[in-house]
N, C-alpha and C. Protein backbone atom coordinates (compact mmCIF):
# COMPACT_ATOMS: atom_id res chain seq x y z
N MET A 1 -15.94 3.33 31.22
CA MET A 1 -15.32 4.59 30.86
C MET A 1 -14.20 4.39 29.84
N ALA A 2 -13.50 3.28 29.93
CA ALA A 2 -12.47 2.98 28.93
C ALA A 2 -13.09 2.81 27.55
N GLU A 3 -14.27 2.20 27.50
CA GLU A 3 -14.98 2.05 26.23
C GLU A 3 -15.37 3.40 25.67
N ASP A 4 -15.73 4.34 26.53
CA ASP A 4 -16.05 5.70 26.08
C ASP A 4 -14.83 6.35 25.44
N VAL A 5 -13.66 6.14 26.03
CA VAL A 5 -12.43 6.70 25.48
C VAL A 5 -12.16 6.13 24.09
N ILE A 6 -12.36 4.83 23.94
CA ILE A 6 -12.14 4.19 22.64
C ILE A 6 -13.08 4.77 21.60
N CYS A 7 -14.33 4.97 21.97
CA CYS A 7 -15.30 5.57 21.03
C CYS A 7 -14.85 6.96 20.61
N LEU A 8 -14.34 7.74 21.58
CA LEU A 8 -13.87 9.09 21.27
C LEU A 8 -12.65 9.05 20.35
N LEU A 9 -11.70 8.15 20.64
CA LEU A 9 -10.51 8.02 19.79
C LEU A 9 -10.90 7.64 18.37
N ASP A 10 -11.84 6.71 18.24
CA ASP A 10 -12.31 6.31 16.91
C ASP A 10 -12.96 7.49 16.19
N HIS A 11 -13.73 8.27 16.92
CA HIS A 11 -14.47 9.38 16.33
C HIS A 11 -13.53 10.45 15.77
N VAL A 12 -12.45 10.74 16.52
CA VAL A 12 -11.52 11.78 16.06
C VAL A 12 -10.45 11.23 15.12
N GLY A 13 -10.47 9.91 14.89
CA GLY A 13 -9.56 9.31 13.93
C GLY A 13 -8.19 8.95 14.45
N TRP A 14 -8.04 8.86 15.76
CA TRP A 14 -6.75 8.48 16.34
C TRP A 14 -6.69 6.95 16.43
N THR A 15 -6.49 6.32 15.30
CA THR A 15 -6.55 4.87 15.24
C THR A 15 -5.23 4.22 14.82
N GLU A 16 -4.22 5.05 14.55
CA GLU A 16 -2.97 4.49 14.05
C GLU A 16 -2.24 3.70 15.14
N GLU A 17 -1.40 2.78 14.72
CA GLU A 17 -0.65 1.95 15.65
C GLU A 17 0.32 2.80 16.46
N LYS A 18 0.31 2.62 17.77
CA LYS A 18 1.17 3.33 18.72
C LYS A 18 1.04 4.85 18.60
N GLY A 19 -0.12 5.32 18.20
CA GLY A 19 -0.31 6.75 17.98
C GLY A 19 -0.89 7.52 19.15
N VAL A 20 -1.26 6.82 20.22
CA VAL A 20 -1.90 7.47 21.36
C VAL A 20 -0.98 7.39 22.58
N HIS A 21 -0.82 8.51 23.26
CA HIS A 21 -0.02 8.56 24.48
C HIS A 21 -0.94 8.90 25.65
N VAL A 22 -0.96 8.03 26.65
CA VAL A 22 -1.96 8.10 27.72
C VAL A 22 -1.30 8.42 29.06
N VAL A 23 -1.90 9.37 29.79
CA VAL A 23 -1.49 9.67 31.16
C VAL A 23 -2.71 9.47 32.05
N GLY A 24 -2.61 8.58 33.03
CA GLY A 24 -3.72 8.31 33.94
C GLY A 24 -3.32 8.53 35.38
N ILE A 25 -4.09 9.36 36.09
CA ILE A 25 -3.77 9.70 37.48
C ILE A 25 -4.90 9.22 38.38
N SER A 26 -4.57 8.45 39.41
CA SER A 26 -5.53 7.97 40.40
C SER A 26 -6.62 7.12 39.73
N LEU A 27 -7.90 7.52 39.84
CA LEU A 27 -8.96 6.78 39.16
C LEU A 27 -8.74 6.79 37.65
N GLY A 28 -8.17 7.89 37.14
CA GLY A 28 -7.83 7.95 35.72
C GLY A 28 -6.81 6.89 35.34
N GLY A 29 -5.93 6.55 36.28
CA GLY A 29 -4.96 5.49 36.04
C GLY A 29 -5.62 4.13 35.97
N MET A 30 -6.68 3.95 36.74
CA MET A 30 -7.44 2.70 36.69
C MET A 30 -8.13 2.57 35.34
N ILE A 31 -8.72 3.66 34.87
CA ILE A 31 -9.36 3.67 33.56
C ILE A 31 -8.32 3.45 32.47
N ALA A 32 -7.14 4.06 32.63
CA ALA A 32 -6.07 3.91 31.65
C ALA A 32 -5.61 2.46 31.53
N GLN A 33 -5.60 1.73 32.64
CA GLN A 33 -5.24 0.31 32.58
C GLN A 33 -6.24 -0.48 31.74
N GLU A 34 -7.52 -0.21 31.96
CA GLU A 34 -8.56 -0.89 31.18
C GLU A 34 -8.44 -0.52 29.71
N LEU A 35 -8.15 0.74 29.43
CA LEU A 35 -7.97 1.19 28.05
C LEU A 35 -6.78 0.48 27.41
N ALA A 36 -5.66 0.44 28.12
CA ALA A 36 -4.44 -0.16 27.58
C ALA A 36 -4.62 -1.65 27.33
N TRP A 37 -5.40 -2.31 28.16
CA TRP A 37 -5.63 -3.74 27.96
C TRP A 37 -6.48 -3.98 26.72
N ARG A 38 -7.40 -3.06 26.45
CA ARG A 38 -8.31 -3.24 25.31
C ARG A 38 -7.65 -2.90 23.98
N ILE A 39 -6.80 -1.86 23.93
CA ILE A 39 -6.19 -1.45 22.66
C ILE A 39 -4.68 -1.22 22.82
N PRO A 40 -3.94 -2.21 23.30
CA PRO A 40 -2.50 -2.00 23.52
C PRO A 40 -1.74 -1.65 22.25
N GLU A 41 -2.20 -2.16 21.13
CA GLU A 41 -1.51 -1.90 19.87
C GLU A 41 -1.57 -0.44 19.45
N ARG A 42 -2.50 0.32 20.00
CA ARG A 42 -2.67 1.72 19.61
C ARG A 42 -1.97 2.69 20.57
N ILE A 43 -1.44 2.18 21.66
CA ILE A 43 -0.87 3.05 22.69
C ILE A 43 0.66 3.04 22.62
N GLY A 44 1.21 4.22 22.32
CA GLY A 44 2.66 4.35 22.22
C GLY A 44 3.33 4.46 23.57
N SER A 45 2.68 5.10 24.51
CA SER A 45 3.23 5.22 25.86
C SER A 45 2.10 5.36 26.87
N LEU A 46 2.41 4.96 28.10
CA LEU A 46 1.42 4.97 29.17
C LEU A 46 2.09 5.39 30.47
N VAL A 47 1.59 6.46 31.08
CA VAL A 47 2.06 6.89 32.39
C VAL A 47 0.95 6.64 33.40
N LEU A 48 1.26 5.87 34.43
CA LEU A 48 0.29 5.56 35.49
C LEU A 48 0.78 6.18 36.79
N ALA A 49 0.04 7.15 37.29
CA ALA A 49 0.46 7.88 38.48
C ALA A 49 -0.50 7.62 39.64
N VAL A 50 0.06 7.39 40.80
CA VAL A 50 -0.67 7.19 42.06
C VAL A 50 -1.93 6.34 41.86
N THR A 51 -1.75 5.16 41.31
CA THR A 51 -2.89 4.29 41.02
C THR A 51 -2.58 2.86 41.43
N THR A 52 -3.43 1.94 41.07
CA THR A 52 -3.32 0.56 41.55
C THR A 52 -4.01 -0.40 40.59
N PRO A 53 -3.58 -1.67 40.56
CA PRO A 53 -4.32 -2.65 39.78
C PRO A 53 -5.57 -3.13 40.50
N GLY A 54 -5.71 -2.75 41.78
CA GLY A 54 -6.92 -3.11 42.53
C GLY A 54 -6.90 -4.54 43.00
N GLY A 55 -8.10 -5.09 43.17
CA GLY A 55 -8.26 -6.44 43.70
C GLY A 55 -9.55 -6.53 44.48
N TRP A 56 -9.55 -7.35 45.53
CA TRP A 56 -10.71 -7.40 46.41
C TRP A 56 -10.95 -6.02 47.00
N PHE A 57 -12.22 -5.67 47.23
CA PHE A 57 -12.54 -4.29 47.59
C PHE A 57 -11.81 -3.82 48.84
N TRP A 58 -11.53 -4.73 49.78
CA TRP A 58 -10.84 -4.30 51.00
C TRP A 58 -9.39 -3.91 50.71
N ASN A 59 -8.85 -4.40 49.59
CA ASN A 59 -7.51 -3.97 49.20
C ASN A 59 -7.52 -2.57 48.60
N ASN A 60 -8.69 -2.11 48.19
CA ASN A 60 -8.81 -0.80 47.55
C ASN A 60 -9.25 0.30 48.50
N ILE A 61 -9.51 -0.06 49.76
CA ILE A 61 -9.87 0.96 50.75
C ILE A 61 -8.66 1.86 51.00
N PRO A 62 -8.82 3.18 50.95
CA PRO A 62 -7.68 4.08 51.13
C PRO A 62 -7.06 3.95 52.51
N PRO A 63 -5.83 4.42 52.67
CA PRO A 63 -5.23 4.50 54.00
C PRO A 63 -6.14 5.30 54.95
N TRP A 64 -5.94 5.12 56.24
CA TRP A 64 -6.85 5.67 57.24
C TRP A 64 -7.09 7.17 57.07
N LYS A 65 -6.02 7.95 56.90
CA LYS A 65 -6.18 9.40 56.79
C LYS A 65 -7.01 9.78 55.58
N GLY A 66 -6.78 9.09 54.46
CA GLY A 66 -7.56 9.38 53.27
C GLY A 66 -9.01 9.00 53.43
N ALA A 67 -9.26 7.85 54.05
CA ALA A 67 -10.64 7.42 54.26
C ALA A 67 -11.39 8.39 55.15
N MET A 68 -10.74 8.86 56.21
CA MET A 68 -11.38 9.82 57.11
C MET A 68 -11.61 11.15 56.41
N SER A 69 -10.67 11.56 55.58
CA SER A 69 -10.82 12.83 54.86
C SER A 69 -11.99 12.77 53.89
N LEU A 70 -12.12 11.66 53.17
CA LEU A 70 -13.23 11.51 52.24
C LEU A 70 -14.57 11.53 52.97
N THR A 71 -14.60 10.90 54.13
CA THR A 71 -15.83 10.89 54.93
C THR A 71 -16.20 12.31 55.38
N LYS A 72 -15.20 13.06 55.83
CA LYS A 72 -15.45 14.45 56.25
C LYS A 72 -15.96 15.30 55.08
N LEU A 73 -15.36 15.10 53.91
CA LEU A 73 -15.76 15.90 52.74
C LEU A 73 -17.21 15.64 52.36
N MET A 74 -17.65 14.40 52.51
CA MET A 74 -19.03 14.07 52.17
C MET A 74 -20.02 14.75 53.11
N MET A 75 -19.57 15.11 54.30
CA MET A 75 -20.46 15.71 55.29
C MET A 75 -20.20 17.20 55.50
N THR A 76 -19.31 17.78 54.68
CA THR A 76 -18.96 19.19 54.83
C THR A 76 -19.44 19.98 53.63
N PRO A 77 -20.45 20.83 53.77
CA PRO A 77 -21.00 21.55 52.62
C PRO A 77 -20.25 22.83 52.27
N ASP A 78 -19.50 23.38 53.21
CA ASP A 78 -18.86 24.68 53.02
C ASP A 78 -17.48 24.52 52.38
N PRO A 79 -17.26 25.08 51.17
CA PRO A 79 -15.95 24.97 50.51
C PRO A 79 -14.81 25.52 51.35
N LEU A 80 -15.06 26.56 52.15
CA LEU A 80 -14.01 27.11 53.00
C LEU A 80 -13.52 26.09 54.02
N MET A 81 -14.43 25.25 54.48
CA MET A 81 -14.05 24.20 55.42
C MET A 81 -13.46 22.99 54.70
N MET A 82 -13.87 22.79 53.46
CA MET A 82 -13.37 21.66 52.68
C MET A 82 -11.93 21.87 52.22
N ALA A 83 -11.56 23.11 51.92
CA ALA A 83 -10.25 23.40 51.34
C ALA A 83 -9.09 22.84 52.15
N PRO A 84 -9.01 23.08 53.47
CA PRO A 84 -7.88 22.51 54.23
C PRO A 84 -7.92 20.99 54.32
N ILE A 85 -9.11 20.41 54.31
CA ILE A 85 -9.22 18.95 54.33
C ILE A 85 -8.63 18.37 53.05
N VAL A 86 -8.98 18.98 51.92
CA VAL A 86 -8.47 18.52 50.63
C VAL A 86 -6.95 18.67 50.58
N ALA A 87 -6.43 19.81 51.04
CA ALA A 87 -4.99 20.03 51.01
C ALA A 87 -4.25 18.99 51.84
N ASP A 88 -4.75 18.72 53.05
CA ASP A 88 -4.10 17.73 53.91
C ASP A 88 -4.19 16.32 53.33
N MET A 89 -5.24 16.06 52.57
CA MET A 89 -5.44 14.74 51.97
C MET A 89 -4.51 14.52 50.77
N LEU A 90 -4.23 15.59 50.02
CA LEU A 90 -3.50 15.44 48.76
C LEU A 90 -2.00 15.69 48.87
N TYR A 91 -1.58 16.47 49.85
CA TYR A 91 -0.17 16.89 49.89
C TYR A 91 0.46 16.58 51.24
N THR A 92 1.78 16.59 51.27
CA THR A 92 2.50 16.32 52.51
C THR A 92 2.56 17.59 53.36
N GLN A 93 2.63 17.40 54.68
CA GLN A 93 2.64 18.54 55.59
C GLN A 93 3.89 19.40 55.40
N ASP A 94 5.03 18.76 55.19
CA ASP A 94 6.27 19.52 54.99
C ASP A 94 6.15 20.44 53.78
N TRP A 95 5.60 19.90 52.69
CA TRP A 95 5.48 20.70 51.46
C TRP A 95 4.47 21.82 51.64
N LEU A 96 3.37 21.56 52.32
CA LEU A 96 2.36 22.59 52.53
C LEU A 96 2.91 23.78 53.32
N LYS A 97 3.88 23.53 54.18
CA LYS A 97 4.47 24.61 54.99
C LYS A 97 5.49 25.42 54.21
N GLU A 98 6.03 24.86 53.14
CA GLU A 98 7.07 25.55 52.38
C GLU A 98 6.49 26.72 51.59
N ARG A 99 7.40 27.64 51.21
CA ARG A 99 6.99 28.77 50.38
C ARG A 99 6.81 28.31 48.94
N ASP A 100 5.79 28.84 48.30
CA ASP A 100 5.54 28.51 46.91
C ASP A 100 6.65 29.10 46.03
N ILE A 101 7.11 28.33 45.06
CA ILE A 101 8.22 28.77 44.21
C ILE A 101 7.83 29.99 43.39
N ASP A 102 6.63 29.99 42.83
CA ASP A 102 6.20 31.08 41.96
C ASP A 102 5.61 32.26 42.73
N GLU A 103 5.09 32.00 43.94
CA GLU A 103 4.54 33.06 44.79
C GLU A 103 5.17 32.96 46.17
N PRO A 104 6.43 33.39 46.31
CA PRO A 104 7.17 33.17 47.56
C PRO A 104 6.58 33.89 48.78
N ASN A 105 5.66 34.81 48.55
CA ASN A 105 5.01 35.48 49.68
C ASN A 105 3.90 34.63 50.29
N LYS A 106 3.64 33.47 49.68
CA LYS A 106 2.61 32.56 50.16
C LYS A 106 3.18 31.17 50.37
N THR A 107 2.56 30.41 51.27
CA THR A 107 2.94 29.00 51.43
C THR A 107 2.22 28.17 50.37
N ASN A 108 2.71 26.95 50.17
CA ASN A 108 2.03 26.05 49.24
C ASN A 108 0.59 25.78 49.69
N ARG A 109 0.37 25.71 50.99
CA ARG A 109 -0.99 25.51 51.48
C ARG A 109 -1.90 26.66 51.04
N GLN A 110 -1.45 27.88 51.21
CA GLN A 110 -2.26 29.02 50.81
C GLN A 110 -2.58 28.98 49.32
N VAL A 111 -1.57 28.70 48.52
CA VAL A 111 -1.76 28.67 47.06
C VAL A 111 -2.74 27.58 46.66
N GLN A 112 -2.59 26.40 47.23
CA GLN A 112 -3.44 25.28 46.84
C GLN A 112 -4.87 25.45 47.34
N GLN A 113 -5.04 26.00 48.53
CA GLN A 113 -6.40 26.20 49.03
C GLN A 113 -7.11 27.29 48.24
N GLU A 114 -6.38 28.32 47.83
CA GLU A 114 -6.97 29.36 46.99
C GLU A 114 -7.35 28.79 45.62
N ALA A 115 -6.48 27.94 45.07
CA ALA A 115 -6.77 27.32 43.78
C ALA A 115 -8.00 26.43 43.87
N TYR A 116 -8.12 25.71 44.98
CA TYR A 116 -9.29 24.85 45.17
C TYR A 116 -10.57 25.68 45.21
N LEU A 117 -10.55 26.77 45.93
CA LEU A 117 -11.74 27.62 46.04
C LEU A 117 -12.10 28.25 44.70
N ARG A 118 -11.09 28.58 43.89
CA ARG A 118 -11.38 29.10 42.55
C ARG A 118 -12.07 28.05 41.70
N ARG A 119 -11.57 26.81 41.76
CA ARG A 119 -12.19 25.73 40.97
C ARG A 119 -13.63 25.50 41.40
N VAL A 120 -13.85 25.50 42.70
CA VAL A 120 -15.21 25.28 43.21
C VAL A 120 -16.15 26.39 42.74
N ALA A 121 -15.63 27.61 42.67
CA ALA A 121 -16.46 28.75 42.31
C ALA A 121 -16.91 28.73 40.85
N ILE A 122 -16.14 28.08 39.98
CA ILE A 122 -16.46 28.14 38.55
C ILE A 122 -16.92 26.80 37.97
N THR A 123 -17.01 25.78 38.80
CA THR A 123 -17.45 24.47 38.31
C THR A 123 -18.72 24.03 39.02
N LYS A 124 -19.48 23.22 38.32
CA LYS A 124 -20.72 22.69 38.89
C LYS A 124 -20.39 21.71 40.00
N LYS A 125 -21.08 21.84 41.11
CA LYS A 125 -20.82 20.98 42.25
C LYS A 125 -21.19 19.53 41.93
N GLN A 126 -20.29 18.62 42.29
CA GLN A 126 -20.56 17.20 42.09
C GLN A 126 -21.70 16.76 43.01
N ARG A 127 -22.65 16.05 42.43
CA ARG A 127 -23.75 15.55 43.24
C ARG A 127 -23.28 14.42 44.15
N TRP A 128 -24.02 14.21 45.22
CA TRP A 128 -23.65 13.19 46.20
C TRP A 128 -23.55 11.82 45.54
N ILE A 129 -24.49 11.50 44.65
CA ILE A 129 -24.47 10.20 43.99
C ILE A 129 -23.25 10.05 43.11
N GLY A 130 -22.80 11.15 42.51
CA GLY A 130 -21.59 11.10 41.69
C GLY A 130 -20.37 10.82 42.54
N HIS A 131 -20.31 11.44 43.71
CA HIS A 131 -19.20 11.23 44.64
C HIS A 131 -19.15 9.76 45.07
N VAL A 132 -20.31 9.23 45.43
CA VAL A 132 -20.38 7.83 45.87
C VAL A 132 -20.03 6.88 44.73
N SER A 133 -20.54 7.17 43.53
CA SER A 133 -20.26 6.31 42.37
C SER A 133 -18.77 6.26 42.06
N GLN A 134 -18.10 7.40 42.20
CA GLN A 134 -16.66 7.43 41.98
C GLN A 134 -15.94 6.56 43.00
N MET A 135 -16.37 6.62 44.25
CA MET A 135 -15.76 5.80 45.29
C MET A 135 -16.00 4.31 45.02
N VAL A 136 -17.21 3.97 44.58
CA VAL A 136 -17.52 2.57 44.28
C VAL A 136 -16.65 2.06 43.14
N ALA A 137 -16.47 2.90 42.11
CA ALA A 137 -15.63 2.51 40.97
C ALA A 137 -14.21 2.19 41.43
N GLY A 138 -13.68 3.02 42.33
CA GLY A 138 -12.34 2.77 42.84
C GLY A 138 -12.26 1.52 43.69
N LEU A 139 -13.28 1.28 44.49
CA LEU A 139 -13.28 0.12 45.39
C LEU A 139 -13.42 -1.20 44.64
N THR A 140 -14.08 -1.19 43.48
CA THR A 140 -14.33 -2.43 42.74
C THR A 140 -13.34 -2.66 41.60
N HIS A 141 -12.40 -1.75 41.42
CA HIS A 141 -11.43 -1.87 40.32
C HIS A 141 -10.52 -3.09 40.51
N HIS A 142 -10.28 -3.81 39.42
CA HIS A 142 -9.36 -4.94 39.48
C HIS A 142 -8.85 -5.27 38.08
N VAL A 143 -7.53 -5.23 37.93
CA VAL A 143 -6.87 -5.72 36.71
C VAL A 143 -5.96 -6.86 37.15
N SER A 144 -6.21 -8.04 36.64
CA SER A 144 -5.50 -9.24 37.08
C SER A 144 -4.04 -9.22 36.65
N ALA A 145 -3.25 -10.09 37.25
CA ALA A 145 -1.83 -10.21 36.90
C ALA A 145 -1.65 -10.58 35.44
N GLU A 146 -2.53 -11.43 34.92
CA GLU A 146 -2.45 -11.83 33.52
C GLU A 146 -2.71 -10.64 32.60
N ARG A 147 -3.69 -9.82 32.94
CA ARG A 147 -3.98 -8.65 32.11
C ARG A 147 -2.86 -7.61 32.22
N LEU A 148 -2.27 -7.48 33.40
CA LEU A 148 -1.13 -6.57 33.54
C LEU A 148 0.02 -7.01 32.65
N ARG A 149 0.27 -8.31 32.60
CA ARG A 149 1.34 -8.83 31.74
C ARG A 149 1.07 -8.48 30.28
N GLU A 150 -0.17 -8.61 29.85
CA GLU A 150 -0.54 -8.30 28.48
C GLU A 150 -0.35 -6.81 28.18
N ILE A 151 -0.66 -5.97 29.16
CA ILE A 151 -0.44 -4.53 28.98
C ILE A 151 1.05 -4.24 28.84
N GLY A 152 1.85 -4.82 29.73
CA GLY A 152 3.29 -4.59 29.69
C GLY A 152 3.92 -5.03 28.39
N GLU A 153 3.42 -6.13 27.83
CA GLU A 153 3.97 -6.64 26.58
C GLU A 153 3.44 -5.89 25.36
N GLY A 154 2.24 -5.34 25.46
CA GLY A 154 1.60 -4.76 24.29
C GLY A 154 1.80 -3.27 24.10
N VAL A 155 1.95 -2.53 25.20
CA VAL A 155 2.08 -1.08 25.12
C VAL A 155 3.53 -0.71 24.84
N GLY A 156 3.73 0.36 24.07
CA GLY A 156 5.08 0.75 23.67
C GLY A 156 6.00 1.02 24.84
N ARG A 157 5.58 1.87 25.77
CA ARG A 157 6.42 2.26 26.91
C ARG A 157 5.52 2.55 28.10
N VAL A 158 5.88 2.05 29.28
CA VAL A 158 5.08 2.27 30.47
C VAL A 158 5.95 2.84 31.58
N ALA A 159 5.46 3.91 32.22
CA ALA A 159 6.13 4.48 33.39
C ALA A 159 5.11 4.58 34.52
N ILE A 160 5.53 4.21 35.72
CA ILE A 160 4.68 4.24 36.90
C ILE A 160 5.34 5.16 37.93
N VAL A 161 4.55 6.02 38.56
CA VAL A 161 5.12 6.94 39.54
C VAL A 161 4.17 7.06 40.73
N VAL A 162 4.76 7.16 41.92
CA VAL A 162 3.98 7.24 43.16
C VAL A 162 4.77 8.02 44.20
N GLY A 163 4.06 8.65 45.12
CA GLY A 163 4.71 9.33 46.22
C GLY A 163 4.81 8.44 47.44
N ASP A 164 5.63 8.85 48.40
CA ASP A 164 5.83 8.03 49.60
C ASP A 164 4.86 8.37 50.72
N GLU A 165 4.01 9.41 50.52
CA GLU A 165 3.02 9.78 51.54
C GLU A 165 1.65 9.95 50.90
N ASP A 166 1.22 8.95 50.16
CA ASP A 166 -0.08 8.98 49.50
C ASP A 166 -1.15 8.53 50.48
N HIS A 167 -2.14 9.39 50.72
CA HIS A 167 -3.20 9.07 51.67
C HIS A 167 -4.45 8.50 51.01
N LEU A 168 -4.43 8.35 49.69
CA LEU A 168 -5.62 7.86 49.00
C LEU A 168 -5.42 6.51 48.32
N VAL A 169 -4.20 6.25 47.84
CA VAL A 169 -3.91 4.97 47.18
C VAL A 169 -2.63 4.40 47.80
N TRP A 170 -2.69 3.15 48.21
CA TRP A 170 -1.51 2.52 48.82
C TRP A 170 -0.36 2.46 47.82
N ARG A 171 0.84 2.81 48.30
CA ARG A 171 2.02 2.79 47.43
C ARG A 171 2.29 1.39 46.88
N GLU A 172 1.91 0.37 47.63
CA GLU A 172 2.12 -1.01 47.19
C GLU A 172 1.44 -1.28 45.86
N GLY A 173 0.36 -0.54 45.56
CA GLY A 173 -0.33 -0.73 44.29
C GLY A 173 0.57 -0.47 43.10
N SER A 174 1.40 0.55 43.18
CA SER A 174 2.33 0.85 42.08
C SER A 174 3.37 -0.24 41.93
N ARG A 175 3.81 -0.80 43.05
CA ARG A 175 4.78 -1.89 42.99
C ARG A 175 4.16 -3.15 42.38
N ARG A 176 2.89 -3.37 42.67
CA ARG A 176 2.19 -4.51 42.07
C ARG A 176 2.01 -4.31 40.57
N LEU A 177 1.79 -3.06 40.15
CA LEU A 177 1.70 -2.77 38.72
C LEU A 177 3.01 -3.15 38.02
N LYS A 178 4.13 -2.73 38.60
CA LYS A 178 5.43 -3.04 38.00
C LYS A 178 5.67 -4.54 37.98
N GLU A 179 5.37 -5.19 39.09
CA GLU A 179 5.57 -6.64 39.17
C GLU A 179 4.76 -7.36 38.10
N GLY A 180 3.55 -6.92 37.87
CA GLY A 180 2.70 -7.58 36.89
C GLY A 180 3.07 -7.27 35.45
N MET A 181 3.55 -6.04 35.20
CA MET A 181 3.84 -5.62 33.83
C MET A 181 5.25 -5.98 33.38
N GLY A 182 6.14 -6.22 34.31
CA GLY A 182 7.48 -6.64 33.93
C GLY A 182 8.43 -5.47 33.74
N LYS A 183 9.03 -5.36 32.57
CA LYS A 183 10.08 -4.38 32.31
C LYS A 183 9.50 -2.99 32.04
N VAL A 184 9.03 -2.37 33.10
CA VAL A 184 8.51 -1.00 33.01
C VAL A 184 9.24 -0.14 34.04
N VAL A 185 9.12 1.17 33.89
CA VAL A 185 9.78 2.11 34.79
C VAL A 185 8.90 2.37 36.01
N LEU A 186 9.47 2.29 37.21
CA LEU A 186 8.76 2.66 38.43
C LEU A 186 9.60 3.68 39.19
N GLU A 187 9.00 4.85 39.46
CA GLU A 187 9.66 5.88 40.25
C GLU A 187 8.85 6.15 41.51
N GLU A 188 9.54 6.18 42.66
CA GLU A 188 8.90 6.49 43.94
C GLU A 188 9.54 7.76 44.48
N TRP A 189 8.74 8.81 44.60
CA TRP A 189 9.26 10.12 44.97
C TRP A 189 9.05 10.40 46.46
N ARG A 190 10.10 10.94 47.08
CA ARG A 190 10.06 11.22 48.52
C ARG A 190 9.28 12.50 48.81
N ASN A 191 8.74 12.57 50.03
CA ASN A 191 7.99 13.75 50.49
C ASN A 191 6.95 14.19 49.46
N THR A 192 6.22 13.22 48.92
CA THR A 192 5.24 13.49 47.86
C THR A 192 3.93 12.79 48.17
N GLY A 193 2.83 13.51 48.00
CA GLY A 193 1.52 12.97 48.29
C GLY A 193 0.76 12.53 47.05
N HIS A 194 -0.55 12.37 47.21
CA HIS A 194 -1.39 11.90 46.11
C HIS A 194 -1.48 12.92 44.99
N GLY A 195 -1.43 14.20 45.33
CA GLY A 195 -1.46 15.24 44.29
C GLY A 195 -0.11 15.42 43.64
N ILE A 196 0.43 14.34 43.16
CA ILE A 196 1.82 14.28 42.69
C ILE A 196 2.07 15.20 41.50
N HIS A 197 1.08 15.32 40.60
CA HIS A 197 1.25 16.12 39.39
C HIS A 197 1.18 17.61 39.68
N VAL A 198 0.70 17.98 40.86
CA VAL A 198 0.68 19.39 41.28
C VAL A 198 1.89 19.68 42.17
N GLN A 199 2.11 18.84 43.15
CA GLN A 199 3.21 19.06 44.08
C GLN A 199 4.56 18.98 43.38
N ARG A 200 4.70 18.04 42.46
CA ARG A 200 5.98 17.86 41.75
C ARG A 200 5.76 18.03 40.25
N TRP A 201 5.12 19.13 39.88
CA TRP A 201 4.68 19.27 38.49
C TRP A 201 5.84 19.32 37.50
N ARG A 202 6.96 19.91 37.88
CA ARG A 202 8.08 19.96 36.95
C ARG A 202 8.62 18.56 36.67
N GLU A 203 8.87 17.81 37.73
CA GLU A 203 9.37 16.45 37.56
C GLU A 203 8.35 15.57 36.86
N PHE A 204 7.07 15.79 37.17
CA PHE A 204 6.02 14.98 36.55
C PHE A 204 5.96 15.25 35.05
N ASN A 205 6.01 16.51 34.66
CA ASN A 205 5.99 16.84 33.23
C ASN A 205 7.20 16.25 32.51
N GLN A 206 8.36 16.30 33.16
CA GLN A 206 9.56 15.73 32.56
C GLN A 206 9.42 14.22 32.36
N LEU A 207 8.82 13.55 33.35
CA LEU A 207 8.60 12.10 33.23
C LEU A 207 7.67 11.80 32.07
N VAL A 208 6.60 12.55 31.95
CA VAL A 208 5.66 12.34 30.84
C VAL A 208 6.36 12.55 29.50
N GLU A 209 7.13 13.62 29.39
CA GLU A 209 7.82 13.91 28.13
C GLU A 209 8.82 12.82 27.79
N ARG A 210 9.59 12.35 28.78
CA ARG A 210 10.55 11.27 28.52
C ARG A 210 9.85 10.00 28.06
N THR A 211 8.75 9.69 28.70
CA THR A 211 8.03 8.46 28.37
C THR A 211 7.45 8.53 26.97
N ILE A 212 6.90 9.68 26.60
CA ILE A 212 6.35 9.85 25.25
C ILE A 212 7.45 9.75 24.21
N ARG A 213 8.58 10.43 24.46
CA ARG A 213 9.69 10.38 23.50
C ARG A 213 10.18 8.95 23.30
N THR A 214 10.34 8.23 24.40
CA THR A 214 10.81 6.84 24.31
C THR A 214 9.80 5.96 23.60
N GLY A 215 8.52 6.14 23.93
CA GLY A 215 7.48 5.37 23.26
C GLY A 215 7.39 5.67 21.79
N ALA A 216 7.57 6.95 21.42
CA ALA A 216 7.49 7.34 20.02
C ALA A 216 8.64 6.74 19.21
N ARG A 217 9.80 6.55 19.88
CA ARG A 217 10.94 5.95 19.19
C ARG A 217 10.83 4.44 19.12
N GLY A 218 9.91 3.89 19.89
CA GLY A 218 9.74 2.44 19.89
C GLY A 218 10.83 1.71 20.63
N VAL A 219 11.44 2.40 21.62
CA VAL A 219 12.52 1.79 22.40
C VAL A 219 11.94 0.88 23.48
């Protein structure tokens, strides 16, 4: 998939040095690592959210709650039944109970489950083989310490962010990314789940903007 991204960048002409700013979330963060290792000279900034450098497949197995949720989703055909499973898997219970900032008459759970059902209604359902293939890709992902070092040295600016209640990717993965890459930014946010860019979208957008600005300046 990283090779596909490179082909697309070449096709649209985004080939200049440090001209590309990359944000990778979860599996997208795994792909972003492979991309950054292949073309570090072209990447001005890199944000890696709720992801991991991987390793042996047993190191990539999600925490228990996430693994059980994924199993339930594979066996649950009804979106109405899937919505609460997805919400519990992606967000913290405290946050789900809170009132939504933009729709204070609803809880965050209500807003997110409604949003999930809207997405399901207008998008093509993922086939079972696609779901399994995505899981296999995550389980077999591995970027070595040596390759992480090369990414850290070659990319303009790197920021890593993770929540403290992630049920899909172990928080230790983000710490291993920082350890391998060296002088990069690592932020760990409290009361935050795997859906970090939704639950903490304001802070997440600010982090992305700061990282891009810093990378563009070459700091």
